[in-house]
Amino acid sequence: MEFSQADFDRLLVSEHTRKTSELTYAKDPLDAENLTKWGGALLELAQFQTVSDAKKMITDAISKLDEALMINPSKHETLWCMGNAHSTAAFMTTDNDEAKISFDQAAQFFQRAVDADPGNELYQKSLEVAAKAPELHMEFQKAAADQQQTMGGAPSASSTANAAKKKSSDLKYDIFGWIILAVGIVAWVGMAKSHVPPPPPR
């Protein structure tokens, strides 16, 4: 996998956020905002890992986000990030039944985020995309299966393999694009909240 400078920068920022969150957690394990940042950083870092390592990071992210929701069950940023974590987990599995369970969970978290912050267009869009995600997953799995069959087939089918590979790659970038957007917004909201100027003296 080749990294662009932007990818490398995102990797560094996410790793820094993960380490900072880990240290903050040691001091205050009940900080829901910190746990949300930590979960978001793990989701971002998962994009740069092998499939097996990515699955572990996503599971860890879900665990951190779950902790945050136990502290503050209505925190819409965390609900939305949890929806992204479940969507990502679903796309990482080849088992359609397992993926459907994760997509259903993602939709529930996106709905809760919309309910908590109805004016948030990103949450609305995430909920709309979640409805289409199982179909995208099936297309992705079909393209991957077609690609495997084509690679084992005759050399004249190379153009079909390239088309399947491109479609599979495009879908992967679409999915990771949403995840990147999600994590970026969560990080931005978190930083904005942590840098609020103090109220003027009375």
C-alpha atoms as a PDB file:
ATOM      1  CA  MET A   1       0.000   0.000   0.000  1.00  0.00           C
ATOM      2  CA  GLU A   2       1.394   3.389  -1.005  1.00  0.00           C
ATOM      3  CA  PHE A   3       0.883   6.419   1.209  1.00  0.00           C
ATOM      4  CA  SER A   4       0.451   9.958  -0.035  1.00  0.00           C
ATOM      5  CA  GLN A   5       1.690  12.845   2.100  1.00  0.00           C
ATOM      6  CA  ALA A   6      -1.912  13.506   3.201  1.00  0.00           C
ATOM      7  CA  ASP A   7      -2.287   9.840   4.244  1.00  0.00           C
ATOM      8  CA  PHE A   8       0.965  10.014   6.169  1.00  0.00           C
ATOM      9  CA  ASP A   9      -0.161  13.222   7.906  1.00  0.00           C
ATOM     10  CA  ARG A  10      -3.511  11.636   8.840  1.00  0.00           C
ATOM     11  CA  LEU A  11      -1.670   8.602  10.171  1.00  0.00           C
ATOM     12  CA  LEU A  12       0.565  10.789  12.355  1.00  0.00           C
ATOM     13  CA  VAL A  13      -2.342  12.872  13.674  1.00  0.00           C
ATOM     14  CA  SER A  14      -4.402   9.763  14.428  1.00  0.00           C
ATOM     15  CA  GLU A  15      -1.518   8.043  16.192  1.00  0.00           C
ATOM     16  CA  HIS A  16      -0.872  11.201  18.240  1.00  0.00           C
ATOM     17  CA  THR A  17      -4.579  11.391  19.150  1.00  0.00           C
ATOM     18  CA  ARG A  18      -4.567   7.716  20.147  1.00  0.00           C
ATOM     19  CA  LYS A  19      -1.536   8.145  22.411  1.00  0.00           C
ATOM     20  CA  THR A  20      -2.859  11.364  23.951  1.00  0.00           C
ATOM     21  CA  SER A  21      -6.232   9.754  24.587  1.00  0.00           C
ATOM     22  CA  GLU A  22      -4.562   6.776  26.210  1.00  0.00           C
ATOM     23  CA  LEU A  23      -2.686   9.077  28.616  1.00  0.00           C
ATOM     24  CA  THR A  24      -5.820  11.115  29.330  1.00  0.00           C
ATOM     25  CA  TYR A  25      -7.759   7.908  30.011  1.00  0.00           C
ATOM     26  CA  ALA A  26      -5.197   6.909  32.654  1.00  0.00           C
ATOM     27  CA  LYS A  27      -5.924  10.200  34.468  1.00  0.00           C
ATOM     28  CA  ASP A  28      -9.695  10.314  33.877  1.00  0.00           C
ATOM     29  CA  PRO A  29     -11.353   7.100  32.664  1.00  0.00           C
ATOM     30  CA  LEU A  30     -14.804   8.730  32.808  1.00  0.00           C
ATOM     31  CA  ASP A  31     -14.131  11.366  30.122  1.00  0.00           C
ATOM     32  CA  ALA A  32     -16.638  10.488  27.366  1.00  0.00           C
ATOM     33  CA  GLU A  33     -15.167  13.094  25.003  1.00  0.00           C
ATOM     34  CA  ASN A  34     -11.709  11.546  25.310  1.00  0.00           C
ATOM     35  CA  LEU A  35     -13.067   8.041  24.754  1.00  0.00           C
ATOM     36  CA  THR A  36     -14.860   9.265  21.624  1.00  0.00           C
ATOM     37  CA  LYS A  37     -11.643  10.812  20.290  1.00  0.00           C
ATOM     38  CA  TRP A  38      -9.786   7.586  21.080  1.00  0.00           C
ATOM     39  CA  GLY A  39     -12.368   5.470  19.272  1.00  0.00           C
ATOM     40  CA  GLY A  40     -12.291   7.818  16.276  1.00  0.00           C
ATOM     41  CA  ALA A  41      -8.489   7.698  16.129  1.00  0.00           C
ATOM     42  CA  LEU A  42      -8.570   3.883  16.179  1.00  0.00           C
ATOM     43  CA  LEU A  43     -11.067   3.881  13.294  1.00  0.00           C
ATOM     44  CA  GLU A  44      -8.798   6.186  11.324  1.00  0.00           C
ATOM     45  CA  LEU A  45      -5.712   4.079  12.080  1.00  0.00           C
ATOM     46  CA  ALA A  46      -7.541   0.897  11.044  1.00  0.00           C
ATOM     47  CA  GLN A  47      -7.495   2.132   7.449  1.00  0.00           C
ATOM     48  CA  PHE A  48      -3.720   1.785   7.350  1.00  0.00           C
ATOM     49  CA  GLN A  49      -3.595  -1.779   8.701  1.00  0.00           C
ATOM     50  CA  THR A  50      -3.856  -5.274   7.304  1.00  0.00           C
ATOM     51  CA  VAL A  51      -7.375  -6.708   7.382  1.00  0.00           C
ATOM     52  CA  SER A  52      -6.791  -8.736  10.554  1.00  0.00           C
ATOM     53  CA  ASP A  53      -5.152  -5.804  12.386  1.00  0.00           C
ATOM     54  CA  ALA A  54      -7.872  -3.442  11.144  1.00  0.00           C
ATOM     55  CA  LYS A  55     -10.560  -5.743  12.550  1.00  0.00           C
ATOM     56  CA  LYS A  56      -8.817  -5.716  15.947  1.00  0.00           C
ATOM     57  CA  MET A  57      -8.586  -1.914  15.905  1.00  0.00           C
ATOM     58  CA  ILE A  58     -12.256  -1.582  14.940  1.00  0.00           C
ATOM     59  CA  THR A  59     -13.234  -3.915  17.784  1.00  0.00           C
ATOM     60  CA  ASP A  60     -11.107  -1.815  20.154  1.00  0.00           C
ATOM     61  CA  ALA A  61     -12.726   1.376  18.808  1.00  0.00           C
ATOM     62  CA  ILE A  62     -16.196  -0.068  19.414  1.00  0.00           C
ATOM     63  CA  SER A  63     -15.122  -0.917  22.963  1.00  0.00           C
ATOM     64  CA  LYS A  64     -13.934   2.666  23.625  1.00  0.00           C
ATOM     65  CA  LEU A  65     -17.078   4.153  22.099  1.00  0.00           C
ATOM     66  CA  ASP A  66     -19.217   1.766  24.131  1.00  0.00           C
ATOM     67  CA  GLU A  67     -17.460   2.990  27.294  1.00  0.00           C
ATOM     68  CA  ALA A  68     -18.171   6.576  26.264  1.00  0.00           C
ATOM     69  CA  LEU A  69     -21.851   5.768  25.733  1.00  0.00           C
ATOM     70  CA  MET A  70     -22.068   4.153  29.172  1.00  0.00           C
ATOM     71  CA  ILE A  71     -20.896   7.488  30.594  1.00  0.00           C
ATOM     72  CA  ASN A  72     -23.047   9.660  28.317  1.00  0.00           C
ATOM     73  CA  PRO A  73     -25.658   7.611  26.382  1.00  0.00           C
ATOM     74  CA  SER A  74     -27.000  10.609  24.444  1.00  0.00           C
ATOM     75  CA  LYS A  75     -23.680  12.026  23.179  1.00  0.00           C
ATOM     76  CA  HIS A  76     -24.523  12.374  19.492  1.00  0.00           C
ATOM     77  CA  GLU A  77     -20.894  12.536  18.291  1.00  0.00           C
ATOM     78  CA  THR A  78     -20.220   9.192  19.957  1.00  0.00           C
ATOM     79  CA  LEU A  79     -23.429   7.660  18.606  1.00  0.00           C
ATOM     80  CA  TRP A  80     -22.491   8.723  15.097  1.00  0.00           C
ATOM     81  CA  CYS A  81     -18.913   7.470  15.464  1.00  0.00           C
ATOM     82  CA  MET A  82     -20.266   4.136  16.760  1.00  0.00           C
ATOM     83  CA  GLY A  83     -22.450   3.902  13.648  1.00  0.00           C
ATOM     84  CA  ASN A  84     -19.330   4.371  11.519  1.00  0.00           C
ATOM     85  CA  ALA A  85     -17.474   1.723  13.513  1.00  0.00           C
ATOM     86  CA  HIS A  86     -20.235  -0.840  12.950  1.00  0.00           C
ATOM     87  CA  SER A  87     -20.456   0.051   9.250  1.00  0.00           C
ATOM     88  CA  THR A  88     -16.716  -0.404   8.885  1.00  0.00           C
ATOM     89  CA  ALA A  89     -16.838  -3.718  10.741  1.00  0.00           C
ATOM     90  CA  ALA A  90     -19.612  -4.884   8.407  1.00  0.00           C
ATOM     91  CA  PHE A  91     -17.611  -4.059   5.297  1.00  0.00           C
ATOM     92  CA  MET A  92     -14.617  -5.942   6.705  1.00  0.00           C
ATOM     93  CA  THR A  93     -16.493  -9.246   6.874  1.00  0.00           C
ATOM     94  CA  THR A  94     -17.326 -11.599   4.032  1.00  0.00           C
ATOM     95  CA  ASP A  95     -20.217 -13.237   5.931  1.00  0.00           C
ATOM     96  CA  ASN A  96     -23.445 -11.552   4.761  1.00  0.00           C
ATOM     97  CA  ASP A  97     -25.391 -12.496   7.913  1.00  0.00           C
ATOM     98  CA  GLU A  98     -22.693 -11.078  10.177  1.00  0.00           C
ATOM     99  CA  ALA A  99     -22.495  -7.961   8.001  1.00  0.00           C
ATOM    100  CA  LYS A 100     -26.281  -7.477   8.169  1.00  0.00           C
ATOM    101  CA  ILE A 101     -26.166  -7.520  11.973  1.00  0.00           C
ATOM    102  CA  SER A 102     -23.433  -4.859  11.962  1.00  0.00           C
ATOM    103  CA  PHE A 103     -25.270  -2.741   9.367  1.00  0.00           C
ATOM    104  CA  ASP A 104     -28.459  -2.928  11.450  1.00  0.00           C
ATOM    105  CA  GLN A 105     -26.516  -1.817  14.530  1.00  0.00           C
ATOM    106  CA  ALA A 106     -24.936   1.013  12.526  1.00  0.00           C
ATOM    107  CA  ALA A 107     -28.356   2.199  11.361  1.00  0.00           C
ATOM    108  CA  GLN A 108     -29.631   2.178  14.951  1.00  0.00           C
ATOM    109  CA  PHE A 109     -26.697   4.309  16.125  1.00  0.00           C
ATOM    110  CA  PHE A 110     -27.084   6.713  13.196  1.00  0.00           C
ATOM    111  CA  GLN A 111     -30.802   7.022  14.003  1.00  0.00           C
ATOM    112  CA  ARG A 112     -30.004   7.766  17.654  1.00  0.00           C
ATOM    113  CA  ALA A 113     -27.487  10.407  16.532  1.00  0.00           C
ATOM    114  CA  VAL A 114     -30.135  12.005  14.280  1.00  0.00           C
ATOM    115  CA  ASP A 115     -32.635  11.909  17.145  1.00  0.00           C
ATOM    116  CA  ALA A 116     -30.116  13.593  19.464  1.00  0.00           C
ATOM    117  CA  ASP A 117     -29.160  16.263  16.889  1.00  0.00           C
ATOM    118  CA  PRO A 118     -31.910  16.423  14.226  1.00  0.00           C
ATOM    119  CA  GLY A 119     -30.427  19.406  12.379  1.00  0.00           C
ATOM    120  CA  ASN A 120     -27.103  17.691  11.660  1.00  0.00           C
ATOM    121  CA  GLU A 121     -26.956  17.036   7.917  1.00  0.00           C
ATOM    122  CA  LEU A 122     -23.998  14.670   8.221  1.00  0.00           C
ATOM    123  CA  TYR A 123     -25.948  12.428  10.584  1.00  0.00           C
ATOM    124  CA  GLN A 124     -28.922  12.494   8.200  1.00  0.00           C
ATOM    125  CA  LYS A 125     -26.705  11.560   5.249  1.00  0.00           C
ATOM    126  CA  SER A 126     -25.039   8.775   7.250  1.00  0.00           C
ATOM    127  CA  LEU A 127     -28.461   7.332   8.055  1.00  0.00           C
ATOM    128  CA  GLU A 128     -29.431   7.447   4.365  1.00  0.00           C
ATOM    129  CA  VAL A 129     -26.183   5.751   3.320  1.00  0.00           C
ATOM    130  CA  ALA A 130     -26.632   3.115   6.043  1.00  0.00           C
ATOM    131  CA  ALA A 131     -29.854   2.032   4.353  1.00  0.00           C
ATOM    132  CA  LYS A 132     -27.914   1.348   1.136  1.00  0.00           C
ATOM    133  CA  ALA A 133     -24.879  -0.231   2.821  1.00  0.00           C
ATOM    134  CA  PRO A 134     -26.027  -3.901   2.774  1.00  0.00           C
ATOM    135  CA  GLU A 135     -26.558  -3.670  -0.992  1.00  0.00           C
ATOM    136  CA  LEU A 136     -23.118  -2.093  -1.441  1.00  0.00           C
ATOM    137  CA  HIS A 137     -21.621  -4.854   0.684  1.00  0.00           C
ATOM    138  CA  MET A 138     -23.180  -7.538  -1.509  1.00  0.00           C
ATOM    139  CA  GLU A 139     -21.891  -5.782  -4.650  1.00  0.00           C
ATOM    140  CA  PHE A 140     -18.455  -5.541  -3.090  1.00  0.00           C
ATOM    141  CA  GLN A 141     -18.466  -9.237  -2.198  1.00  0.00           C
ATOM    142  CA  LYS A 142     -19.675 -10.165  -5.696  1.00  0.00           C
ATOM    143  CA  ALA A 143     -16.946  -8.049  -7.298  1.00  0.00           C
ATOM    144  CA  ALA A 144     -14.332  -9.681  -5.056  1.00  0.00           C
ATOM    145  CA  ALA A 145     -15.621 -13.164  -5.949  1.00  0.00           C
ATOM    146  CA  ASP A 146     -15.659 -12.274  -9.655  1.00  0.00           C
ATOM    147  CA  GLN A 147     -12.127 -10.990  -9.343  1.00  0.00           C
ATOM    148  CA  GLN A 148     -10.948 -14.229  -7.741  1.00  0.00           C
ATOM    149  CA  GLN A 149     -12.633 -16.305 -10.444  1.00  0.00           C
ATOM    150  CA  THR A 150     -11.186 -14.126 -13.179  1.00  0.00           C
ATOM    151  CA  MET A 151      -7.682 -14.317 -11.775  1.00  0.00           C
ATOM    152  CA  GLY A 152      -7.895 -18.093 -11.964  1.00  0.00           C
ATOM    153  CA  GLY A 153      -9.417 -17.966 -15.480  1.00  0.00           C
ATOM    154  CA  ALA A 154      -8.048 -17.457 -18.965  1.00  0.00           C
ATOM    155  CA  PRO A 155      -5.633 -14.609 -19.757  1.00  0.00           C
ATOM    156  CA  SER A 156      -8.157 -13.058 -22.156  1.00  0.00           C
ATOM    157  CA  ALA A 157     -10.313 -12.135 -19.181  1.00  0.00           C
ATOM    158  CA  SER A 158      -7.787  -9.646 -17.817  1.00  0.00           C
ATOM    159  CA  SER A 159      -9.944  -6.653 -18.724  1.00  0.00           C
ATOM    160  CA  THR A 160     -12.786  -8.114 -16.642  1.00  0.00           C
ATOM    161  CA  ALA A 161     -10.430  -8.574 -13.699  1.00  0.00           C
ATOM    162  CA  ASN A 162      -9.281  -4.976 -13.989  1.00  0.00           C
ATOM    163  CA  ALA A 163     -12.893  -3.760 -14.067  1.00  0.00           C
ATOM    164  CA  ALA A 164     -13.789  -5.830 -10.995  1.00  0.00           C
ATOM    165  CA  LYS A 165     -10.656  -4.670  -9.220  1.00  0.00           C
ATOM    166  CA  LYS A 166     -11.412  -1.029 -10.063  1.00  0.00           C
ATOM    167  CA  LYS A 167     -15.024  -1.352  -8.876  1.00  0.00           C
ATOM    168  CA  SER A 168     -13.866  -3.049  -5.676  1.00  0.00           C
ATOM    169  CA  SER A 169     -11.217  -0.384  -5.152  1.00  0.00           C
ATOM    170  CA  ASP A 170     -13.669   2.457  -5.857  1.00  0.00           C
ATOM    171  CA  LEU A 171     -16.126   1.050  -3.321  1.00  0.00           C
ATOM    172  CA  LYS A 172     -13.369   0.713  -0.732  1.00  0.00           C
ATOM    173  CA  TYR A 173     -12.361   4.346  -1.268  1.00  0.00           C
ATOM    174  CA  ASP A 174     -16.008   5.470  -1.021  1.00  0.00           C
ATOM    175  CA  ILE A 175     -16.430   3.671   2.283  1.00  0.00           C
ATOM    176  CA  PHE A 176     -13.155   4.859   3.718  1.00  0.00           C
ATOM    177  CA  GLY A 177     -13.961   8.356   2.480  1.00  0.00           C
ATOM    178  CA  TRP A 178     -17.070   8.431   4.662  1.00  0.00           C
ATOM    179  CA  ILE A 179     -15.087   7.078   7.582  1.00  0.00           C
ATOM    180  CA  ILE A 180     -12.376   9.693   7.124  1.00  0.00           C
ATOM    181  CA  LEU A 181     -15.000  12.421   6.970  1.00  0.00           C
ATOM    182  CA  ALA A 182     -16.663  11.070  10.092  1.00  0.00           C
ATOM    183  CA  VAL A 183     -13.469  10.853  12.102  1.00  0.00           C
ATOM    184  CA  GLY A 184     -12.373  14.292  10.918  1.00  0.00           C
ATOM    185  CA  ILE A 185     -15.605  15.897  12.030  1.00  0.00           C
ATOM    186  CA  VAL A 186     -15.549  14.135  15.400  1.00  0.00           C
ATOM    187  CA  ALA A 187     -11.961  15.291  15.939  1.00  0.00           C
ATOM    188  CA  TRP A 188     -12.843  18.828  14.847  1.00  0.00           C
ATOM    189  CA  VAL A 189     -15.872  18.990  17.165  1.00  0.00           C
ATOM    190  CA  GLY A 190     -13.771  17.637  20.011  1.00  0.00           C
ATOM    191  CA  MET A 191     -11.012  20.155  19.460  1.00  0.00           C
ATOM    192  CA  ALA A 192     -13.493  23.005  19.075  1.00  0.00           C
ATOM    193  CA  LYS A 193     -15.128  22.085  22.378  1.00  0.00           C
ATOM    194  CA  SER A 194     -11.800  21.786  24.174  1.00  0.00           C
ATOM    195  CA  HIS A 195     -10.665  25.245  22.993  1.00  0.00           C
ATOM    196  CA  VAL A 196     -13.748  27.263  23.942  1.00  0.00           C
ATOM    197  CA  PRO A 197     -12.656  30.612  25.423  1.00  0.00           C
ATOM    198  CA  PRO A 198     -13.612  31.187  29.048  1.00  0.00           C
ATOM    199  CA  PRO A 199     -16.628  33.384  29.719  1.00  0.00           C
ATOM    200  CA  PRO A 200     -15.889  37.073  30.342  1.00  0.00           C
ATOM    201  CA  PRO A 201     -15.518  38.076  34.018  1.00  0.00           C
ATOM    202  CA  ARG A 202     -18.510  39.713  35.607  1.00  0.00           C
END
